[in-house]
C-alpha cells in the first residue's frame, strides 16, 4: 500500500485523532469522521491526560508501561502545553501503608519525605510526611490537546467531518480505521464499558505543578492541575456501564480527596461534573485488529493518552506493511 492511500478514520476521540494524524504523517489522504458535533464528544474529553507509564504499572500489565514509554515525547512533539514535571503519589496519614504497596508494584521513582514534598509542591508543605516522586512522567490537558491534533490533521491535508451520525460510506476509501469505542460493539463483541468520573474545580487558593495521586484502599483519586486555577479530580476504575450522572457518594469521595490534599479546596468552585464510559476488553489491554479492509483500534481502558501513539503506529504498520 502506497503512502497516498485514501483512509477513512471513524471516531475523533484520542484514538481516532492520534491515528488520523499518524496516518497523515505517513502520507495518507485521511478523512476523519466524528458522530458528535465537536471534537472530544466522548470519554476522551473527560480524561485526566496523565502520561504516567511508571505509575500505571501499579495496576496494569507490564506491556502498558513498555508500549507507552515514548508517549510523553510523542505528545510534546505534536501538541502545545505538555508538562513534564513528573507525578507525585501521596496518601492520607491513615493510609500511608498504601504508599509502600504502591512502591512495591512500580519503579523509576524516588521515595521522598516532608522536606522534598514541600520543595516540589510548596502549597503542600507540612501536610504529608512521605510520598513517591516519578520524575520521568508528565501530563496534558485533553481539552487543548484534542483540538490541537485536529488542527494538525487539517494542516497535513486531512479532512474533518462532524455530525456524522451514520458515518460516511466506505466506498472510495482504501482502508477504514474504526476508533469508535463502544459503538463498535457489534463487530467487537467482547468490549465492555468502564465508567470514569470527574469533577472540574476552580481554586485560586491552591497551586500544584504536577498530578497528585491520592492513594486509598478502595478508590485511588488523582488531582491534575490545569491552567487558570483549574483542577481535574477524577477516578477511572469504576466497574459499571452506567453512563448516567454522578452519584452523591462518588461526588463526595472526589471532593473529599481534594480537601484532604489541601483544605483550600473547601472554597473551590465546582465548574463541571462529568462521567464517561471507556471501552475495554476483558483483560483491559487494547488491541489493533483487522477484518478485511477495516482496522479496529479499541479497548484502551484508562490508558488512551498513554497508549494511543503506540497503537496508531501499529495500525499504520498494518496498512502500509
C-alpha atoms as a PDB file:
ATOM      1  CA  UNK A   1       0.000   0.000   0.000  1.00  0.00           C
ATOM      2  CA  UNK A   2       1.458   3.340  -1.017  1.00  0.00           C
ATOM      3  CA  UNK A   3       1.629   6.339   1.252  1.00  0.00           C
ATOM      4  CA  UNK A   4      -1.066   8.080  -0.786  1.00  0.00           C
ATOM      5  CA  UNK A   5      -3.814   5.691   0.317  1.00  0.00           C
ATOM      6  CA  UNK A   6      -7.271   7.136   0.964  1.00  0.00           C
ATOM      7  CA  UNK A   7      -8.224   6.226   4.532  1.00  0.00           C
ATOM      8  CA  UNK A   8     -11.403   6.874   6.494  1.00  0.00           C
ATOM      9  CA  UNK A   9     -10.917   7.080  10.272  1.00  0.00           C
ATOM     10  CA  UNK A  10     -14.144   6.773  12.249  1.00  0.00           C
ATOM     11  CA  UNK A  11     -14.265   8.392  15.674  1.00  0.00           C
ATOM     12  CA  UNK A  12     -12.499  11.583  16.777  1.00  0.00           C
ATOM     13  CA  UNK A  13     -11.629  10.674  20.330  1.00  0.00           C
ATOM     14  CA  UNK A  14      -7.994  10.378  21.332  1.00  0.00           C
ATOM     15  CA  UNK A  15      -7.582   7.058  19.469  1.00  0.00           C
ATOM     16  CA  UNK A  16      -9.058   8.398  16.241  1.00  0.00           C
ATOM     17  CA  UNK A  17      -7.223  11.713  16.307  1.00  0.00           C
ATOM     18  CA  UNK A  18      -3.808  10.225  17.062  1.00  0.00           C
ATOM     19  CA  UNK A  19      -4.313   7.530  14.427  1.00  0.00           C
ATOM     20  CA  UNK A  20      -5.509  10.025  11.823  1.00  0.00           C
ATOM     21  CA  UNK A  21      -2.504  12.293  12.397  1.00  0.00           C
ATOM     22  CA  UNK A  22      -0.101   9.332  12.328  1.00  0.00           C
ATOM     23  CA  UNK A  23      -1.528   8.107   9.007  1.00  0.00           C
ATOM     24  CA  UNK A  24      -1.436  11.610   7.511  1.00  0.00           C
ATOM     25  CA  UNK A  25       2.189  11.995   8.575  1.00  0.00           C
ATOM     26  CA  UNK A  26       2.937   8.837   6.608  1.00  0.00           C
ATOM     27  CA  UNK A  27       1.387  10.363   3.514  1.00  0.00           C
ATOM     28  CA  UNK A  28      -2.151   9.001   3.598  1.00  0.00           C
ATOM     29  CA  UNK A  29      -5.154  11.022   2.448  1.00  0.00           C
ATOM     30  CA  UNK A  30      -7.148  10.931   5.667  1.00  0.00           C
ATOM     31  CA  UNK A  31     -10.806  11.710   6.291  1.00  0.00           C
ATOM     32  CA  UNK A  32     -11.729  11.759   9.996  1.00  0.00           C
ATOM     33  CA  UNK A  33     -15.455  11.371  10.697  1.00  0.00           C
ATOM     34  CA  UNK A  34     -16.987  12.039  14.124  1.00  0.00           C
ATOM     35  CA  UNK A  35     -20.582  11.293  15.117  1.00  0.00           C
ATOM     36  CA  UNK A  36     -20.661  14.144  17.627  1.00  0.00           C
ATOM     37  CA  UNK A  37     -20.961  17.830  16.959  1.00  0.00           C
ATOM     38  CA  UNK A  38     -17.459  18.677  18.192  1.00  0.00           C
ATOM     39  CA  UNK A  39     -14.030  17.219  18.779  1.00  0.00           C
ATOM     40  CA  UNK A  40     -13.963  15.364  22.076  1.00  0.00           C
ATOM     41  CA  UNK A  41     -17.620  14.406  22.226  1.00  0.00           C
ATOM     42  CA  UNK A  42     -16.871  11.195  24.130  1.00  0.00           C
ATOM     43  CA  UNK A  43     -14.872   9.909  27.094  1.00  0.00           C
ATOM     44  CA  UNK A  44     -11.570  11.391  25.866  1.00  0.00           C
ATOM     45  CA  UNK A  45     -12.834  14.850  26.799  1.00  0.00           C
ATOM     46  CA  UNK A  46     -13.279  13.761  30.429  1.00  0.00           C
ATOM     47  CA  UNK A  47      -9.823  12.214  30.833  1.00  0.00           C
ATOM     48  CA  UNK A  48      -7.105  13.371  33.196  1.00  0.00           C
ATOM     49  CA  UNK A  49      -4.441  13.418  30.481  1.00  0.00           C
ATOM     50  CA  UNK A  50      -1.755  11.877  32.684  1.00  0.00           C
ATOM     51  CA  UNK A  51       1.263  10.490  30.833  1.00  0.00           C
ATOM     52  CA  UNK A  52       2.396   8.235  33.640  1.00  0.00           C
ATOM     53  CA  UNK A  53       3.696   4.854  32.403  1.00  0.00           C
ATOM     54  CA  UNK A  54       5.558   4.057  35.616  1.00  0.00           C
ATOM     55  CA  UNK A  55       2.637   4.868  37.915  1.00  0.00           C
ATOM     56  CA  UNK A  56       0.268   2.808  35.777  1.00  0.00           C
ATOM     57  CA  UNK A  57       2.455  -0.239  36.380  1.00  0.00           C
ATOM     58  CA  UNK A  58       0.889  -0.448  39.858  1.00  0.00           C
ATOM     59  CA  UNK A  59      -2.259  -1.979  38.396  1.00  0.00           C
ATOM     60  CA  UNK A  60      -1.634  -2.576  34.695  1.00  0.00           C
ATOM     61  CA  UNK A  61       0.219  -5.344  32.818  1.00  0.00           C
ATOM     62  CA  UNK A  62       3.871  -4.585  32.091  1.00  0.00           C
ATOM     63  CA  UNK A  63       3.026  -4.218  28.393  1.00  0.00           C
ATOM     64  CA  UNK A  64       1.191  -0.988  29.180  1.00  0.00           C
ATOM     65  CA  UNK A  65       4.404   0.543  30.503  1.00  0.00           C
ATOM     66  CA  UNK A  66       6.558  -0.913  27.728  1.00  0.00           C
ATOM     67  CA  UNK A  67       4.296   0.392  24.960  1.00  0.00           C
ATOM     68  CA  UNK A  68       3.836   3.846  26.486  1.00  0.00           C
ATOM     69  CA  UNK A  69       7.415   4.891  27.246  1.00  0.00           C
ATOM     70  CA  UNK A  70       7.506   7.077  24.140  1.00  0.00           C
ATOM     71  CA  UNK A  71       4.124   8.695  24.682  1.00  0.00           C
ATOM     72  CA  UNK A  72       5.388  11.789  26.516  1.00  0.00           C
ATOM     73  CA  UNK A  73       7.830  12.681  23.748  1.00  0.00           C
ATOM     74  CA  UNK A  74       5.184  11.987  21.077  1.00  0.00           C
ATOM     75  CA  UNK A  75       2.698  14.330  22.681  1.00  0.00           C
ATOM     76  CA  UNK A  76       5.315  17.024  23.278  1.00  0.00           C
ATOM     77  CA  UNK A  77       6.181  16.974  19.579  1.00  0.00           C
ATOM     78  CA  UNK A  78       2.554  17.179  18.450  1.00  0.00           C
ATOM     79  CA  UNK A  79       0.580  19.486  20.788  1.00  0.00           C
ATOM     80  CA  UNK A  80       1.393  22.540  22.939  1.00  0.00           C
ATOM     81  CA  UNK A  81       1.435  22.880  26.721  1.00  0.00           C
ATOM     82  CA  UNK A  82       2.522  19.344  27.613  1.00  0.00           C
ATOM     83  CA  UNK A  83       4.022  19.391  31.106  1.00  0.00           C
ATOM     84  CA  UNK A  84       6.993  17.203  32.100  1.00  0.00           C
ATOM     85  CA  UNK A  85       7.077  17.835  35.849  1.00  0.00           C
ATOM     86  CA  UNK A  86       6.609  14.239  36.961  1.00  0.00           C
ATOM     87  CA  UNK A  87       3.929  12.683  39.170  1.00  0.00           C
ATOM     88  CA  UNK A  88       3.557  12.772  42.949  1.00  0.00           C
ATOM     89  CA  UNK A  89       1.976   9.892  44.888  1.00  0.00           C
ATOM     90  CA  UNK A  90       0.682  10.645  48.390  1.00  0.00           C
ATOM     91  CA  UNK A  91      -1.704   9.178  50.924  1.00  0.00           C
ATOM     92  CA  UNK A  92      -3.569  10.451  53.993  1.00  0.00           C
ATOM     93  CA  UNK A  93      -1.847   9.691  57.305  1.00  0.00           C
ATOM     94  CA  UNK A  94      -4.175   6.768  57.980  1.00  0.00           C
ATOM     95  CA  UNK A  95      -3.340   5.160  54.619  1.00  0.00           C
ATOM     96  CA  UNK A  96       0.449   5.569  54.390  1.00  0.00           C
ATOM     97  CA  UNK A  97       0.794   1.782  54.096  1.00  0.00           C
ATOM     98  CA  UNK A  98      -0.679   2.207  50.607  1.00  0.00           C
ATOM     99  CA  UNK A  99       2.466   4.112  49.593  1.00  0.00           C
ATOM    100  CA  UNK A 100       4.600   1.094  50.459  1.00  0.00           C
ATOM    101  CA  UNK A 101       2.294  -1.186  48.484  1.00  0.00           C
ATOM    102  CA  UNK A 102       2.312   1.170  45.504  1.00  0.00           C
ATOM    103  CA  UNK A 103       6.105   1.319  45.560  1.00  0.00           C
ATOM    104  CA  UNK A 104       6.401  -2.465  45.519  1.00  0.00           C
ATOM    105  CA  UNK A 105       4.439  -2.625  42.278  1.00  0.00           C
ATOM    106  CA  UNK A 106       6.213   0.233  40.474  1.00  0.00           C
ATOM    107  CA  UNK A 107       9.686   1.524  39.618  1.00  0.00           C
ATOM    108  CA  UNK A 108      11.526   4.650  38.435  1.00  0.00           C
ATOM    109  CA  UNK A 109      10.516   6.675  41.482  1.00  0.00           C
ATOM    110  CA  UNK A 110      12.234   8.372  44.393  1.00  0.00           C
ATOM    111  CA  UNK A 111      10.841   7.907  47.882  1.00  0.00           C
ATOM    112  CA  UNK A 112      10.694  11.358  49.445  1.00  0.00           C
ATOM    113  CA  UNK A 113       9.902  12.922  52.801  1.00  0.00           C
ATOM    114  CA  UNK A 114       8.186  16.050  54.008  1.00  0.00           C
ATOM    115  CA  UNK A 115      11.028  18.410  53.080  1.00  0.00           C
ATOM    116  CA  UNK A 116      11.211  17.223  49.467  1.00  0.00           C
ATOM    117  CA  UNK A 117       7.407  17.239  49.121  1.00  0.00           C
ATOM    118  CA  UNK A 118       7.443  20.874  50.227  1.00  0.00           C
ATOM    119  CA  UNK A 119      10.167  21.696  47.699  1.00  0.00           C
ATOM    120  CA  UNK A 120       8.206  20.124  44.843  1.00  0.00           C
ATOM    121  CA  UNK A 121       4.830  21.489  45.937  1.00  0.00           C
ATOM    122  CA  UNK A 122       5.194  24.439  48.344  1.00  0.00           C
ATOM    123  CA  UNK A 123       1.442  24.562  48.998  1.00  0.00           C
ATOM    124  CA  UNK A 124       1.616  21.041  50.457  1.00  0.00           C
ATOM    125  CA  UNK A 125       4.338  21.915  52.980  1.00  0.00           C
ATOM    126  CA  UNK A 126       3.758  20.262  56.333  1.00  0.00           C
ATOM    127  CA  UNK A 127       0.816  18.196  55.136  1.00  0.00           C
ATOM    128  CA  UNK A 128       2.444  14.871  54.206  1.00  0.00           C
ATOM    129  CA  UNK A 129       5.391  13.021  55.718  1.00  0.00           C
ATOM    130  CA  UNK A 130       6.243  10.704  52.819  1.00  0.00           C
ATOM    131  CA  UNK A 131       5.479  10.124  49.180  1.00  0.00           C
ATOM    132  CA  UNK A 132       6.774   8.813  45.855  1.00  0.00           C
ATOM    133  CA  UNK A 133       8.044  11.088  43.086  1.00  0.00           C
ATOM    134  CA  UNK A 134       8.056   9.791  39.495  1.00  0.00           C
ATOM    135  CA  UNK A 135      10.234  12.397  37.769  1.00  0.00           C
ATOM    136  CA  UNK A 136      10.009  10.961  34.228  1.00  0.00           C
ATOM    137  CA  UNK A 137       6.253  11.428  33.824  1.00  0.00           C
ATOM    138  CA  UNK A 138       4.067  14.279  32.597  1.00  0.00           C
ATOM    139  CA  UNK A 139       0.546  15.386  31.771  1.00  0.00           C
ATOM    140  CA  UNK A 140      -1.504  17.368  29.286  1.00  0.00           C
ATOM    141  CA  UNK A 141      -4.909  18.998  29.095  1.00  0.00           C
ATOM    142  CA  UNK A 142      -7.136  16.916  26.781  1.00  0.00           C
ATOM    143  CA  UNK A 143      -9.279  19.963  26.033  1.00  0.00           C
ATOM    144  CA  UNK A 144      -6.262  21.644  24.471  1.00  0.00           C
ATOM    145  CA  UNK A 145      -4.590  18.552  23.032  1.00  0.00           C
ATOM    146  CA  UNK A 146      -7.538  17.139  21.078  1.00  0.00           C
ATOM    147  CA  UNK A 147      -8.348  20.347  19.135  1.00  0.00           C
ATOM    148  CA  UNK A 148      -4.614  20.808  18.506  1.00  0.00           C
ATOM    149  CA  UNK A 149      -4.462  17.362  16.897  1.00  0.00           C
ATOM    150  CA  UNK A 150      -7.491  18.189  14.757  1.00  0.00           C
ATOM    151  CA  UNK A 151      -5.772  21.369  13.551  1.00  0.00           C
ATOM    152  CA  UNK A 152      -2.614  19.402  12.805  1.00  0.00           C
ATOM    153  CA  UNK A 153      -4.578  16.889  10.743  1.00  0.00           C
ATOM    154  CA  UNK A 154      -6.091  19.651   8.617  1.00  0.00           C
ATOM    155  CA  UNK A 155      -2.666  21.234   8.106  1.00  0.00           C
ATOM    156  CA  UNK A 156      -1.443  17.852   6.876  1.00  0.00           C
ATOM    157  CA  UNK A 157      -4.161  17.878   4.230  1.00  0.00           C
ATOM    158  CA  UNK A 158      -6.728  15.765   6.067  1.00  0.00           C
ATOM    159  CA  UNK A 159     -10.485  16.341   6.226  1.00  0.00           C
ATOM    160  CA  UNK A 160     -12.535  16.553   9.417  1.00  0.00           C
ATOM    161  CA  UNK A 161     -16.269  15.775   9.279  1.00  0.00           C
ATOM    162  CA  UNK A 162     -18.508  16.366  12.322  1.00  0.00           C
ATOM    163  CA  UNK A 163     -22.136  15.356  12.953  1.00  0.00           C
ATOM    164  CA  UNK A 164     -21.638  12.118  11.049  1.00  0.00           C
ATOM    165  CA  UNK A 165     -24.137  10.024  12.976  1.00  0.00           C
ATOM    166  CA  UNK A 166     -24.389   7.449  10.183  1.00  0.00           C
ATOM    167  CA  UNK A 167     -20.696   7.749   9.239  1.00  0.00           C
ATOM    168  CA  UNK A 168     -19.615   8.100   5.598  1.00  0.00           C
ATOM    169  CA  UNK A 169     -19.836   5.041   3.362  1.00  0.00           C
ATOM    170  CA  UNK A 170     -16.612   3.116   2.908  1.00  0.00           C
ATOM    171  CA  UNK A 171     -16.764   3.341  -0.883  1.00  0.00           C
ATOM    172  CA  UNK A 172     -13.848   5.298  -2.287  1.00  0.00           C
ATOM    173  CA  UNK A 173     -11.506   4.515   0.591  1.00  0.00           C
ATOM    174  CA  UNK A 174      -8.688   2.006   0.530  1.00  0.00           C
ATOM    175  CA  UNK A 175      -8.951   1.358   4.271  1.00  0.00           C
ATOM    176  CA  UNK A 176     -11.279   2.161   7.143  1.00  0.00           C
ATOM    177  CA  UNK A 177      -9.884   2.573  10.656  1.00  0.00           C
ATOM    178  CA  UNK A 178     -12.573   2.176  13.306  1.00  0.00           C
ATOM    179  CA  UNK A 179     -11.840   4.057  16.547  1.00  0.00           C
ATOM    180  CA  UNK A 180     -15.438   4.371  17.715  1.00  0.00           C
ATOM    181  CA  UNK A 181     -15.067   2.786  21.155  1.00  0.00           C
ATOM    182  CA  UNK A 182     -18.204   1.126  22.467  1.00  0.00           C
ATOM    183  CA  UNK A 183     -20.071   1.918  19.244  1.00  0.00           C
ATOM    184  CA  UNK A 184     -18.010  -0.860  17.641  1.00  0.00           C
ATOM    185  CA  UNK A 185     -19.507  -3.493  19.922  1.00  0.00           C
ATOM    186  CA  UNK A 186     -21.439  -5.192  17.125  1.00  0.00           C
ATOM    187  CA  UNK A 187     -18.136  -6.085  15.463  1.00  0.00           C
ATOM    188  CA  UNK A 188     -16.112  -6.419  18.684  1.00  0.00           C
ATOM    189  CA  UNK A 189     -18.421  -8.395  20.927  1.00  0.00           C
ATOM    190  CA  UNK A 190     -16.149  -8.679  23.975  1.00  0.00           C
ATOM    191  CA  UNK A 191     -15.941  -4.926  24.621  1.00  0.00           C
ATOM    192  CA  UNK A 192     -17.318  -3.606  27.887  1.00  0.00           C
ATOM    193  CA  UNK A 193     -17.589  -0.116  29.330  1.00  0.00           C
ATOM    194  CA  UNK A 194     -15.637   1.045  32.396  1.00  0.00           C
ATOM    195  CA  UNK A 195     -17.032   4.165  33.994  1.00  0.00           C
ATOM    196  CA  UNK A 196     -14.851   7.194  34.604  1.00  0.00           C
ATOM    197  CA  UNK A 197     -15.921  10.118  36.785  1.00  0.00           C
ATOM    198  CA  UNK A 198     -14.510  13.599  37.152  1.00  0.00           C
ATOM    199  CA  UNK A 199     -15.072  16.956  38.792  1.00  0.00           C
ATOM    200  CA  UNK A 200     -13.524  20.142  37.474  1.00  0.00           C
ATOM    201  CA  UNK A 201     -12.751  22.641  40.237  1.00  0.00           C
ATOM    202  CA  UNK A 202     -11.516  26.212  40.165  1.00  0.00           C
ATOM    203  CA  UNK A 203      -9.487  27.110  43.239  1.00  0.00           C
ATOM    204  CA  UNK A 204      -7.361  30.258  43.407  1.00  0.00           C
ATOM    205  CA  UNK A 205      -6.009  29.365  46.857  1.00  0.00           C
ATOM    206  CA  UNK A 206      -4.036  26.275  45.779  1.00  0.00           C
ATOM    207  CA  UNK A 207      -1.201  25.819  43.291  1.00  0.00           C
ATOM    208  CA  UNK A 208       0.123  22.471  42.059  1.00  0.00           C
ATOM    209  CA  UNK A 209       2.792  21.816  39.448  1.00  0.00           C
ATOM    210  CA  UNK A 210       2.103  18.150  38.658  1.00  0.00           C
ATOM    211  CA  UNK A 211      -0.601  15.493  39.047  1.00  0.00           C
ATOM    212  CA  UNK A 212      -1.036  14.106  42.535  1.00  0.00           C
ATOM    213  CA  UNK A 213      -2.374  10.598  43.120  1.00  0.00           C
ATOM    214  CA  UNK A 214      -4.089  10.240  46.469  1.00  0.00           C
ATOM    215  CA  UNK A 215      -3.976   6.578  47.431  1.00  0.00           C
ATOM    216  CA  UNK A 216      -6.893   4.904  49.130  1.00  0.00           C
ATOM    217  CA  UNK A 217      -7.510   1.171  49.738  1.00  0.00           C
ATOM    218  CA  UNK A 218     -10.742   1.262  47.719  1.00  0.00           C
ATOM    219  CA  UNK A 219     -10.639   4.059  45.127  1.00  0.00           C
ATOM    220  CA  UNK A 220      -7.414   5.965  44.355  1.00  0.00           C
ATOM    221  CA  UNK A 221      -8.132   9.522  43.207  1.00  0.00           C
ATOM    222  CA  UNK A 222      -5.965  11.861  41.160  1.00  0.00           C
ATOM    223  CA  UNK A 223      -5.851  15.658  41.119  1.00  0.00           C
ATOM    224  CA  UNK A 224      -4.457  17.161  37.918  1.00  0.00           C
ATOM    225  CA  UNK A 225      -3.628  20.887  37.657  1.00  0.00           C
ATOM    226  CA  UNK A 226      -4.670  22.827  34.587  1.00  0.00           C
ATOM    227  CA  UNK A 227      -4.415  26.459  33.577  1.00  0.00           C
ATOM    228  CA  UNK A 228      -6.493  29.294  35.022  1.00  0.00           C
ATOM    229  CA  UNK A 229      -6.573  27.762  38.539  1.00  0.00           C
ATOM    230  CA  UNK A 230      -8.489  24.703  37.310  1.00  0.00           C
ATOM    231  CA  UNK A 231      -8.037  21.221  38.784  1.00  0.00           C
ATOM    232  CA  UNK A 232      -9.419  17.993  37.388  1.00  0.00           C
ATOM    233  CA  UNK A 233     -10.280  15.487  40.132  1.00  0.00           C
ATOM    234  CA  UNK A 234     -11.072  12.015  38.885  1.00  0.00           C
ATOM    235  CA  UNK A 235     -11.313   8.278  39.371  1.00  0.00           C
ATOM    236  CA  UNK A 236     -11.280   5.902  36.410  1.00  0.00           C
ATOM    237  CA  UNK A 237     -11.712   2.389  37.792  1.00  0.00           C
ATOM    238  CA  UNK A 238     -15.460   2.108  38.384  1.00  0.00           C
ATOM    239  CA  UNK A 239     -16.666  -1.266  37.031  1.00  0.00           C
ATOM    240  CA  UNK A 240     -20.005  -0.097  35.740  1.00  0.00           C
ATOM    241  CA  UNK A 241     -21.635   0.535  32.368  1.00  0.00           C
ATOM    242  CA  UNK A 242     -23.962   3.120  33.847  1.00  0.00           C
ATOM    243  CA  UNK A 243     -23.460   6.244  31.751  1.00  0.00           C
ATOM    244  CA  UNK A 244     -25.758   8.341  33.936  1.00  0.00           C
ATOM    245  CA  UNK A 245     -24.917  11.310  36.148  1.00  0.00           C
ATOM    246  CA  UNK A 246     -22.520  11.107  39.068  1.00  0.00           C
ATOM    247  CA  UNK A 247     -23.851   9.791  42.366  1.00  0.00           C
ATOM    248  CA  UNK A 248     -23.666  11.673  45.643  1.00  0.00           C
ATOM    249  CA  UNK A 249     -21.243   9.072  47.005  1.00  0.00           C
ATOM    250  CA  UNK A 250     -18.842   9.450  44.084  1.00  0.00           C
ATOM    251  CA  UNK A 251     -19.007  13.223  44.204  1.00  0.00           C
ATOM    252  CA  UNK A 252     -18.290  13.192  47.954  1.00  0.00           C
ATOM    253  CA  UNK A 253     -15.292  10.883  47.547  1.00  0.00           C
ATOM    254  CA  UNK A 254     -13.717  13.019  44.846  1.00  0.00           C
ATOM    255  CA  UNK A 255     -14.248  16.276  46.710  1.00  0.00           C
ATOM    256  CA  UNK A 256     -13.049  14.770  49.980  1.00  0.00           C
ATOM    257  CA  UNK A 257      -9.810  13.639  48.303  1.00  0.00           C
ATOM    258  CA  UNK A 258      -9.183  17.203  47.127  1.00  0.00           C
ATOM    259  CA  UNK A 259      -9.951  18.595  50.571  1.00  0.00           C
ATOM    260  CA  UNK A 260      -7.580  16.077  52.227  1.00  0.00           C
ATOM    261  CA  UNK A 261      -4.845  17.111  49.803  1.00  0.00           C
ATOM    262  CA  UNK A 262      -5.296  20.768  50.759  1.00  0.00           C
ATOM    263  CA  UNK A 263      -8.050  22.415  52.862  1.00  0.00           C
ATOM    264  CA  UNK A 264      -8.069  25.343  50.437  1.00  0.00           C
ATOM    265  CA  UNK A 265     -10.158  23.184  48.101  1.00  0.00           C
ATOM    266  CA  UNK A 266     -13.059  23.612  50.514  1.00  0.00           C
ATOM    267  CA  UNK A 267     -13.650  27.011  48.901  1.00  0.00           C
ATOM    268  CA  UNK A 268     -13.231  25.754  45.325  1.00  0.00           C
ATOM    269  CA  UNK A 269     -15.900  26.429  42.722  1.00  0.00           C
ATOM    270  CA  UNK A 270     -17.421  23.344  41.089  1.00  0.00           C
ATOM    271  CA  UNK A 271     -17.119  24.178  37.400  1.00  0.00           C
ATOM    272  CA  UNK A 272     -18.216  20.849  35.924  1.00  0.00           C
ATOM    273  CA  UNK A 273     -19.074  17.253  36.788  1.00  0.00           C
ATOM    274  CA  UNK A 274     -18.969  14.504  34.213  1.00  0.00           C
ATOM    275  CA  UNK A 275     -18.880  10.782  33.512  1.00  0.00           C
ATOM    276  CA  UNK A 276     -17.786   8.677  30.575  1.00  0.00           C
ATOM    277  CA  UNK A 277     -17.512   5.023  29.568  1.00  0.00           C
ATOM    278  CA  UNK A 278     -14.079   3.780  28.499  1.00  0.00           C
ATOM    279  CA  UNK A 279     -14.064   0.861  26.022  1.00  0.00           C
ATOM    280  CA  UNK A 280     -12.243  -2.133  27.495  1.00  0.00           C
ATOM    281  CA  UNK A 281     -11.565  -5.751  26.586  1.00  0.00           C
ATOM    282  CA  UNK A 282     -11.792  -8.462  29.287  1.00  0.00           C
ATOM    283  CA  UNK A 283      -8.048  -8.242  30.069  1.00  0.00           C
ATOM    284  CA  UNK A 284      -8.034  -4.408  29.959  1.00  0.00           C
ATOM    285  CA  UNK A 285      -5.433  -4.468  27.167  1.00  0.00           C
ATOM    286  CA  UNK A 286      -6.096  -2.614  23.893  1.00  0.00           C
ATOM    287  CA  UNK A 287      -5.955  -4.323  20.522  1.00  0.00           C
ATOM    288  CA  UNK A 288      -5.337  -3.405  16.902  1.00  0.00           C
ATOM    289  CA  UNK A 289      -7.194  -5.953  14.782  1.00  0.00           C
ATOM    290  CA  UNK A 290      -8.049  -6.243  11.104  1.00  0.00           C
ATOM    291  CA  UNK A 291     -11.070  -7.590   9.236  1.00  0.00           C
ATOM    292  CA  UNK A 292     -10.642  -7.179   5.514  1.00  0.00           C
ATOM    293  CA  UNK A 293     -10.136  -3.504   4.751  1.00  0.00           C
ATOM    294  CA  UNK A 294     -11.181  -2.420   8.249  1.00  0.00           C
ATOM    295  CA  UNK A 295      -8.667  -1.941  11.053  1.00  0.00           C
ATOM    296  CA  UNK A 296     -10.037  -1.631  14.595  1.00  0.00           C
ATOM    297  CA  UNK A 297      -8.187   0.363  17.274  1.00  0.00           C
ATOM    298  CA  UNK A 298     -10.067  -0.172  20.510  1.00  0.00           C
ATOM    299  CA  UNK A 299     -10.143  -1.278  24.138  1.00  0.00           C
ATOM    300  CA  UNK A 300      -7.873   1.386  25.621  1.00  0.00           C
ATOM    301  CA  UNK A 301      -9.436   1.106  29.096  1.00  0.00           C
ATOM    302  CA  UNK A 302      -7.987   4.057  31.072  1.00  0.00           C
ATOM    303  CA  UNK A 303      -4.791   4.261  29.001  1.00  0.00           C
ATOM    304  CA  UNK A 304      -5.982   6.209  25.969  1.00  0.00           C
ATOM    305  CA  UNK A 305      -3.477   9.060  26.089  1.00  0.00           C
ATOM    306  CA  UNK A 306      -0.654   6.767  27.159  1.00  0.00           C
ATOM    307  CA  UNK A 307      -1.097   4.089  24.503  1.00  0.00           C
ATOM    308  CA  UNK A 308      -2.655   5.864  21.520  1.00  0.00           C
ATOM    309  CA  UNK A 309       0.700   6.811  19.891  1.00  0.00           C
ATOM    310  CA  UNK A 310       1.892   3.198  20.020  1.00  0.00           C
ATOM    311  CA  UNK A 311      -1.451   1.804  18.817  1.00  0.00           C
ATOM    312  CA  UNK A 312      -1.634   4.319  15.978  1.00  0.00           C
ATOM    313  CA  UNK A 313       1.809   3.253  14.808  1.00  0.00           C
ATOM    314  CA  UNK A 314       0.678  -0.396  14.839  1.00  0.00           C
ATOM    315  CA  UNK A 315      -2.396   0.476  12.781  1.00  0.00           C
ATOM    316  CA  UNK A 316      -0.241   2.339  10.274  1.00  0.00           C
ATOM    317  CA  UNK A 317       2.131  -0.613  10.045  1.00  0.00           C
ATOM    318  CA  UNK A 318      -0.791  -2.903   9.219  1.00  0.00           C
ATOM    319  CA  UNK A 319      -1.973  -0.611   6.455  1.00  0.00           C
ATOM    320  CA  UNK A 320       1.375   0.318   4.942  1.00  0.00           C
ATOM    321  CA  UNK A 321       3.092  -3.005   5.572  1.00  0.00           C
END
